[in-house]
């Protein structure tokens, strides 16, 4: 399920009685280009980060919900899941330690996610031997790949001496598996993004970010709750950046977008001077099939230079430019900067 469906599920089960109110507020805020009030922004972020942790798989979400309902029935300390500990200002937060009931709920979800990961491994073991090893290697190395700066699949690290064009069947299976979201490099971004894309340069994301969290960390590493707590408080390490970008890829793909990215190498600067994380097609009626570039930023202070250069280069082909960041909605240099809980509105 996507973030909106996640909120609907929480409301129907009584965990978050006002969760759908937040999705309505988020949609209105996005369309009106007016930021949420700070208190609501904080609560919406908490709700979205909870979705990032639990993931969208029905089994893990249900395990999380059932654990919270059981805690409530027994008079536990958690009154309402994500928002119960998220409505305070930072000064009012009790500590960096999660309540025992909330940690138990995340742990219950983690157990279900590990069963799903095991099922994915079984599915991969059953595919054709010609590309089984490569798919398996990419799957196991995903946390490592996504922790790298460029996040591209390094073919030589998968199988020594190989290159992208040899992975056509591998990527064909991965595309249809429901396990991965592939993001191909667009050589000349235009109305037909796929026309200039190839398998020679590919970024690979896990289709569910909650699964990626359980894939990246062992159950023992997650057991004390410090990693969950760090995520919920916005203390994003390199691994947190990996989760953040994967979650945006998951959201865009869940809404029917094929994923592409764009990189431009400057010979004058001897480096990439444009690096756009995602480029998707604008599918709105009357859009003229223009494109929408999306950058993901996890820090509070960042540069918009890359996006501005992309806009200068391809302005006539662009519908809107978005930067997804952990702050409230704002406009910067003519670019719409939105919090991650609004990514489903793009």
Protein backbone atom coordinates (compact mmCIF):
# COMPACT_ATOMS: atom_id res chain seq x y z
CA UNK A 1 0.00 0.00 0.00
CA UNK A 2 1.09 3.61 -0.55
CA UNK A 3 1.15 6.35 2.09
CA UNK A 4 -2.48 7.33 1.51
CA UNK A 5 -3.65 3.72 1.82
CA UNK A 6 -1.48 3.33 4.92
CA UNK A 7 -3.23 6.31 6.54
CA UNK A 8 -6.62 4.91 5.56
CA UNK A 9 -5.73 1.57 7.17
CA UNK A 10 -4.63 3.27 10.40
CA UNK A 11 -7.87 5.23 10.58
CA UNK A 12 -10.13 2.25 9.89
CA UNK A 13 -8.50 0.24 12.66
CA UNK A 14 -8.71 3.14 15.11
CA UNK A 15 -4.94 3.52 15.50
CA UNK A 16 -4.98 7.03 14.01
CA UNK A 17 -8.60 8.29 14.02
CA UNK A 18 -7.61 11.46 12.13
CA UNK A 19 -5.10 9.99 9.67
CA UNK A 20 -7.25 10.63 6.59
CA UNK A 21 -7.73 14.20 7.73
CA UNK A 22 -3.98 14.58 7.32
CA UNK A 23 -4.01 13.21 3.77
CA UNK A 24 -6.74 15.71 2.88
CA UNK A 25 -4.75 18.53 4.44
CA UNK A 26 -1.63 17.39 2.61
CA UNK A 27 -3.40 17.34 -0.76
CA UNK A 28 -4.90 20.79 -0.19
CA UNK A 29 -1.57 22.18 0.95
CA UNK A 30 0.15 20.80 -2.16
CA UNK A 31 -2.45 22.12 -4.59
CA UNK A 32 -2.77 25.52 -2.91
CA UNK A 33 1.02 25.80 -2.45
CA UNK A 34 0.50 26.78 1.17
CA UNK A 35 2.62 25.02 3.85
CA UNK A 36 0.99 23.15 6.70
CA UNK A 37 1.05 24.80 10.10
CA UNK A 38 4.28 23.79 11.89
CA UNK A 39 2.46 21.52 14.35
CA UNK A 40 0.66 19.68 11.55
CA UNK A 41 3.85 19.46 9.49
CA UNK A 42 5.61 17.79 12.42
CA UNK A 43 2.76 15.31 12.87
CA UNK A 44 2.54 14.57 9.13
CA UNK A 45 6.28 13.91 9.04
CA UNK A 46 5.95 11.55 11.99
CA UNK A 47 3.18 9.69 10.20
CA UNK A 48 5.20 9.44 6.98
CA UNK A 49 8.32 8.27 8.83
CA UNK A 50 6.24 5.59 10.53
CA UNK A 51 5.16 4.45 7.06
CA UNK A 52 8.82 4.42 6.02
CA UNK A 53 9.63 2.13 8.97
CA UNK A 54 6.71 -0.28 8.73
CA UNK A 55 6.59 -0.34 4.95
CA UNK A 56 3.54 -0.86 2.79
CA UNK A 57 3.25 -4.66 2.91
CA UNK A 58 -0.10 -5.64 4.39
CA UNK A 59 1.49 -8.23 6.67
CA UNK A 60 3.90 -5.80 8.31
CA UNK A 61 1.33 -3.00 8.62
CA UNK A 62 -1.18 -5.39 10.19
CA UNK A 63 1.44 -6.69 12.63
CA UNK A 64 2.22 -3.10 13.66
CA UNK A 65 -1.48 -2.31 14.12
CA UNK A 66 -2.26 -5.51 16.03
CA UNK A 67 0.61 -4.92 18.44
CA UNK A 68 -0.58 -1.37 19.18
CA UNK A 69 -4.19 -2.51 19.63
CA UNK A 70 -3.03 -5.23 22.03
CA UNK A 71 -1.00 -2.66 23.99
CA UNK A 72 -3.97 -0.33 24.18
CA UNK A 73 -6.25 -3.14 25.34
CA UNK A 74 -3.85 -4.04 28.12
CA UNK A 75 -3.50 -0.41 29.21
CA UNK A 76 -0.14 0.18 27.54
CA UNK A 77 1.55 3.50 27.08
CA UNK A 78 0.85 3.97 23.37
CA UNK A 79 -2.46 5.69 22.79
CA UNK A 80 -2.38 6.21 19.05
CA UNK A 81 0.62 4.88 17.19
CA UNK A 82 2.61 7.35 15.11
CA UNK A 83 0.94 10.51 16.32
CA UNK A 84 0.91 9.56 19.99
CA UNK A 85 4.58 10.43 20.35
CA UNK A 86 4.75 12.88 17.48
CA UNK A 87 2.53 15.78 18.47
CA UNK A 88 4.95 17.45 20.85
CA UNK A 89 7.57 20.02 20.07
CA UNK A 90 11.18 18.74 20.32
CA UNK A 91 11.50 20.24 23.80
CA UNK A 92 8.49 18.25 24.95
CA UNK A 93 9.72 14.86 23.68
CA UNK A 94 10.28 12.58 26.65
CA UNK A 95 13.60 11.08 25.50
CA UNK A 96 15.42 9.53 22.58
CA UNK A 97 14.06 6.13 23.64
CA UNK A 98 10.84 4.78 22.14
CA UNK A 99 8.11 3.58 24.45
CA UNK A 100 8.22 -0.18 24.99
CA UNK A 101 4.86 -0.64 23.27
CA UNK A 102 5.84 1.28 20.14
CA UNK A 103 9.14 -0.60 19.93
CA UNK A 104 7.23 -3.88 20.27
CA UNK A 105 4.96 -2.81 17.38
CA UNK A 106 7.94 -1.99 15.14
CA UNK A 107 9.54 -5.30 16.13
CA UNK A 108 6.38 -7.20 15.20
CA UNK A 109 6.38 -5.46 11.81
CA UNK A 110 10.06 -6.28 11.36
CA UNK A 111 9.41 -10.01 11.88
CA UNK A 112 6.85 -9.96 9.08
CA UNK A 113 9.20 -8.02 6.80
CA UNK A 114 11.92 -10.62 7.31
CA UNK A 115 9.50 -13.35 6.27
CA UNK A 116 8.74 -11.37 3.10
CA UNK A 117 12.46 -10.93 2.40
CA UNK A 118 12.89 -14.70 2.80
CA UNK A 119 10.05 -15.25 0.31
CA UNK A 120 11.76 -12.88 -2.15
CA UNK A 121 14.97 -14.89 -1.85
CA UNK A 122 13.00 -18.06 -2.58
CA UNK A 123 11.48 -16.44 -5.69
CA UNK A 124 14.91 -15.38 -6.90
CA UNK A 125 16.31 -18.89 -6.31
CA UNK A 126 13.63 -20.27 -8.63
CA UNK A 127 14.44 -18.15 -11.70
CA UNK A 128 16.53 -19.16 -14.70
CA UNK A 129 20.14 -19.96 -13.86
CA UNK A 130 21.31 -17.69 -16.68
CA UNK A 131 20.57 -14.56 -14.64
CA UNK A 132 19.73 -15.91 -11.18
CA UNK A 133 23.17 -15.16 -9.76
CA UNK A 134 23.09 -11.55 -10.93
CA UNK A 135 19.62 -10.87 -9.56
CA UNK A 136 20.59 -12.49 -6.27
CA UNK A 137 23.79 -10.45 -6.05
CA UNK A 138 21.97 -7.17 -6.75
CA UNK A 139 19.31 -8.01 -4.17
CA UNK A 140 21.86 -8.80 -1.45
CA UNK A 141 23.98 -5.74 -2.27
CA UNK A 142 21.10 -3.25 -2.45
CA UNK A 143 21.83 -1.54 0.89
CA UNK A 144 25.46 -1.15 -0.18
CA UNK A 145 24.50 0.16 -3.64
CA UNK A 146 22.01 2.66 -2.25
CA UNK A 147 24.47 3.88 0.37
CA UNK A 148 26.90 4.91 -2.38
CA UNK A 149 26.86 8.50 -3.63
CA UNK A 150 25.71 7.71 -7.18
CA UNK A 151 23.51 4.74 -6.21
CA UNK A 152 24.05 3.11 -9.60
CA UNK A 153 24.46 -0.62 -10.08
CA UNK A 154 28.20 -1.22 -10.37
CA UNK A 155 28.25 -4.15 -12.75
CA UNK A 156 31.86 -5.06 -12.05
CA UNK A 157 31.02 -5.52 -8.37
CA UNK A 158 28.12 -7.81 -9.28
CA UNK A 159 30.06 -10.03 -11.69
CA UNK A 160 33.64 -9.17 -12.56
CA UNK A 161 34.15 -8.30 -16.22
CA UNK A 162 30.47 -7.65 -16.96
CA UNK A 163 28.79 -4.51 -18.28
CA UNK A 164 25.27 -3.13 -18.45
CA UNK A 165 24.15 -4.41 -21.85
CA UNK A 166 24.67 -7.99 -20.63
CA UNK A 167 21.97 -7.50 -18.01
CA UNK A 168 18.95 -7.14 -20.33
CA UNK A 169 17.27 -10.38 -19.19
CA UNK A 170 18.24 -9.69 -15.59
CA UNK A 171 16.51 -6.32 -15.62
CA UNK A 172 13.54 -7.68 -17.56
CA UNK A 173 12.86 -10.15 -14.73
CA UNK A 174 13.50 -7.53 -12.06
CA UNK A 175 11.10 -5.09 -13.74
CA UNK A 176 8.24 -7.56 -13.58
CA UNK A 177 9.03 -9.15 -10.22
CA UNK A 178 7.36 -6.59 -7.94
CA UNK A 179 10.49 -6.71 -5.76
CA UNK A 180 12.47 -3.89 -7.36
CA UNK A 181 11.98 -0.45 -8.87
CA UNK A 182 14.50 0.24 -11.63
CA UNK A 183 15.53 3.76 -12.60
CA UNK A 184 17.31 4.08 -15.96
CA UNK A 185 19.43 6.95 -17.17
CA UNK A 186 17.72 9.15 -19.78
CA UNK A 187 20.22 10.31 -22.37
CA UNK A 188 18.06 13.09 -23.81
CA UNK A 189 15.08 13.80 -21.54
CA UNK A 190 12.00 14.62 -23.59
CA UNK A 191 8.45 13.41 -24.20
CA UNK A 192 9.77 9.90 -24.87
CA UNK A 193 12.07 9.34 -21.90
CA UNK A 194 12.40 5.63 -22.62
CA UNK A 195 13.67 6.25 -26.16
CA UNK A 196 17.11 7.38 -24.99
CA UNK A 197 17.34 5.19 -21.87
CA UNK A 198 19.46 2.05 -21.68
CA UNK A 199 20.40 -0.71 -19.28
CA UNK A 200 23.99 0.47 -19.34
CA UNK A 201 23.42 2.78 -16.37
CA UNK A 202 20.74 1.78 -13.88
CA UNK A 203 19.80 2.64 -10.31
CA UNK A 204 17.91 -0.03 -8.41
CA UNK A 205 15.57 0.49 -5.47
CA UNK A 206 13.60 -1.96 -3.36
CA UNK A 207 9.88 -1.67 -4.05
CA UNK A 208 9.11 -1.33 -0.32
CA UNK A 209 11.26 0.91 1.89
CA UNK A 210 10.16 -0.87 5.06
CA UNK A 211 11.68 -4.04 3.61
CA UNK A 212 14.86 -2.13 2.79
CA UNK A 213 15.19 -1.08 6.43
CA UNK A 214 14.95 -4.70 7.58
CA UNK A 215 17.28 -5.74 4.75
CA UNK A 216 19.93 -3.18 5.74
CA UNK A 217 19.89 -3.94 9.49
CA UNK A 218 19.78 -7.18 11.42
CA UNK A 219 17.02 -7.81 13.95
CA UNK A 220 19.64 -7.45 16.68
CA UNK A 221 20.69 -4.01 15.42
CA UNK A 222 17.07 -2.84 15.47
CA UNK A 223 16.21 -4.43 18.81
CA UNK A 224 17.00 -1.49 21.12
CA UNK A 225 14.98 0.99 19.06
CA UNK A 226 17.77 3.54 18.59
CA UNK A 227 17.65 3.30 14.80
CA UNK A 228 13.86 3.71 14.76
CA UNK A 229 14.14 6.64 17.14
CA UNK A 230 16.80 8.30 15.00
CA UNK A 231 14.63 8.01 11.90
CA UNK A 232 11.57 9.40 13.66
CA UNK A 233 13.56 12.36 14.96
CA UNK A 234 14.92 13.18 11.52
CA UNK A 235 18.49 12.27 12.37
CA UNK A 236 19.24 10.83 8.97
CA UNK A 237 22.66 9.22 8.60
CA UNK A 238 23.94 7.96 5.26
CA UNK A 239 21.67 4.95 5.71
CA UNK A 240 18.79 7.33 6.41
CA UNK A 241 19.50 9.10 3.12
CA UNK A 242 19.29 5.71 1.41
CA UNK A 243 15.86 5.10 2.93
CA UNK A 244 14.65 8.61 2.10
CA UNK A 245 15.48 8.33 -1.60
CA UNK A 246 14.16 4.78 -1.83
CA UNK A 247 10.87 5.96 -0.30
CA UNK A 248 10.49 8.66 -2.95
CA UNK A 249 11.21 6.11 -5.70
CA UNK A 250 8.62 3.80 -4.14
CA UNK A 251 6.03 6.59 -4.05
CA UNK A 252 6.58 7.69 -7.66
CA UNK A 253 6.52 4.10 -8.94
CA UNK A 254 3.41 3.24 -6.90
CA UNK A 255 1.55 5.94 -8.79
CA UNK A 256 2.34 4.43 -12.17
CA UNK A 257 5.48 6.38 -13.09
CA UNK A 258 8.38 4.82 -14.94
CA UNK A 259 11.56 6.04 -13.31
CA UNK A 260 14.47 7.70 -15.07
CA UNK A 261 17.35 9.86 -13.90
CA UNK A 262 19.58 12.38 -15.65
CA UNK A 263 23.27 13.20 -15.32
CA UNK A 264 25.28 15.69 -17.37
CA UNK A 265 29.07 15.65 -17.33
CA UNK A 266 30.80 19.01 -17.73
CA UNK A 267 34.11 18.78 -19.54
CA UNK A 268 34.97 22.28 -18.37
CA UNK A 269 34.38 21.43 -14.68
CA UNK A 270 35.59 17.82 -15.04
CA UNK A 271 32.61 16.60 -13.05
CA UNK A 272 28.85 16.16 -13.24
CA UNK A 273 27.25 19.60 -13.15
CA UNK A 274 23.65 18.33 -13.40
CA UNK A 275 22.42 15.35 -11.41
CA UNK A 276 18.65 14.82 -11.20
CA UNK A 277 17.52 11.87 -9.08
CA UNK A 278 14.24 11.21 -10.90
CA UNK A 279 12.64 12.37 -14.13
CA UNK A 280 9.07 11.28 -14.75
CA UNK A 281 6.47 12.00 -17.40
CA UNK A 282 3.72 14.53 -16.65
CA UNK A 283 0.59 12.48 -17.28
CA UNK A 284 -1.96 15.19 -16.55
CA UNK A 285 -4.42 15.94 -19.40
CA UNK A 286 -3.19 18.79 -21.58
CA UNK A 287 0.37 18.58 -20.29
CA UNK A 288 1.78 17.92 -23.74
CA UNK A 289 3.72 14.99 -22.30
CA UNK A 290 6.24 17.25 -20.63
CA UNK A 291 8.51 15.96 -17.89
CA UNK A 292 8.86 16.52 -14.16
CA UNK A 293 12.34 16.47 -12.58
CA UNK A 294 12.53 15.50 -8.91
CA UNK A 295 15.55 15.83 -6.62
CA UNK A 296 15.77 14.32 -3.13
CA UNK A 297 17.56 16.24 -0.37
CA UNK A 298 17.88 14.94 3.17
CA UNK A 299 19.66 17.92 4.71
CA UNK A 300 18.05 21.18 5.74
CA UNK A 301 20.62 23.21 3.81
CA UNK A 302 21.20 22.30 0.18
CA UNK A 303 21.90 23.76 -3.24
CA UNK A 304 19.40 24.14 -6.09
CA UNK A 305 22.14 24.69 -8.69
CA UNK A 306 21.69 21.31 -10.39
CA UNK A 307 17.94 21.75 -10.77
CA UNK A 308 18.33 25.31 -12.07
CA UNK A 309 20.84 24.17 -14.69
CA UNK A 310 18.49 21.39 -15.76
CA UNK A 311 15.64 23.89 -16.04
CA UNK A 312 17.80 26.27 -18.10
CA UNK A 313 18.78 23.43 -20.44
CA UNK A 314 15.33 21.85 -20.89
CA UNK A 315 12.90 24.53 -19.76
CA UNK A 316 10.45 24.15 -22.65
CA UNK A 317 10.07 20.42 -21.89
CA UNK A 318 9.42 20.82 -18.16
CA UNK A 319 6.01 20.97 -16.48
CA UNK A 320 7.14 21.43 -12.84
CA UNK A 321 10.36 21.10 -10.86
CA UNK A 322 10.31 19.50 -7.41
CA UNK A 323 12.79 19.07 -4.60
CA UNK A 324 11.70 16.67 -1.87
CA UNK A 325 13.21 17.75 1.45
CA UNK A 326 12.49 17.19 5.18
CA UNK A 327 11.28 20.76 5.69
CA UNK A 328 7.85 22.27 5.17
CA UNK A 329 6.58 23.31 1.75
CA UNK A 330 8.31 26.34 0.26
CA UNK A 331 9.33 27.79 -3.10
CA UNK A 332 13.02 28.39 -3.70
CA UNK A 333 14.40 29.92 -6.91
CA UNK A 334 11.13 29.08 -8.65
CA UNK A 335 11.38 25.41 -7.62
CA UNK A 336 8.66 23.75 -5.55
CA UNK A 337 10.27 22.25 -2.45
CA UNK A 338 7.96 19.79 -0.73
CA UNK A 339 8.15 17.50 2.32
CA UNK A 340 8.26 13.75 1.59
CA UNK A 341 4.68 13.21 2.75
CA UNK A 342 3.59 15.24 -0.32
CA UNK A 343 5.54 13.15 -2.88
CA UNK A 344 2.40 11.12 -3.67
CA UNK A 345 0.74 14.34 -4.86
CA UNK A 346 3.22 14.93 -7.71
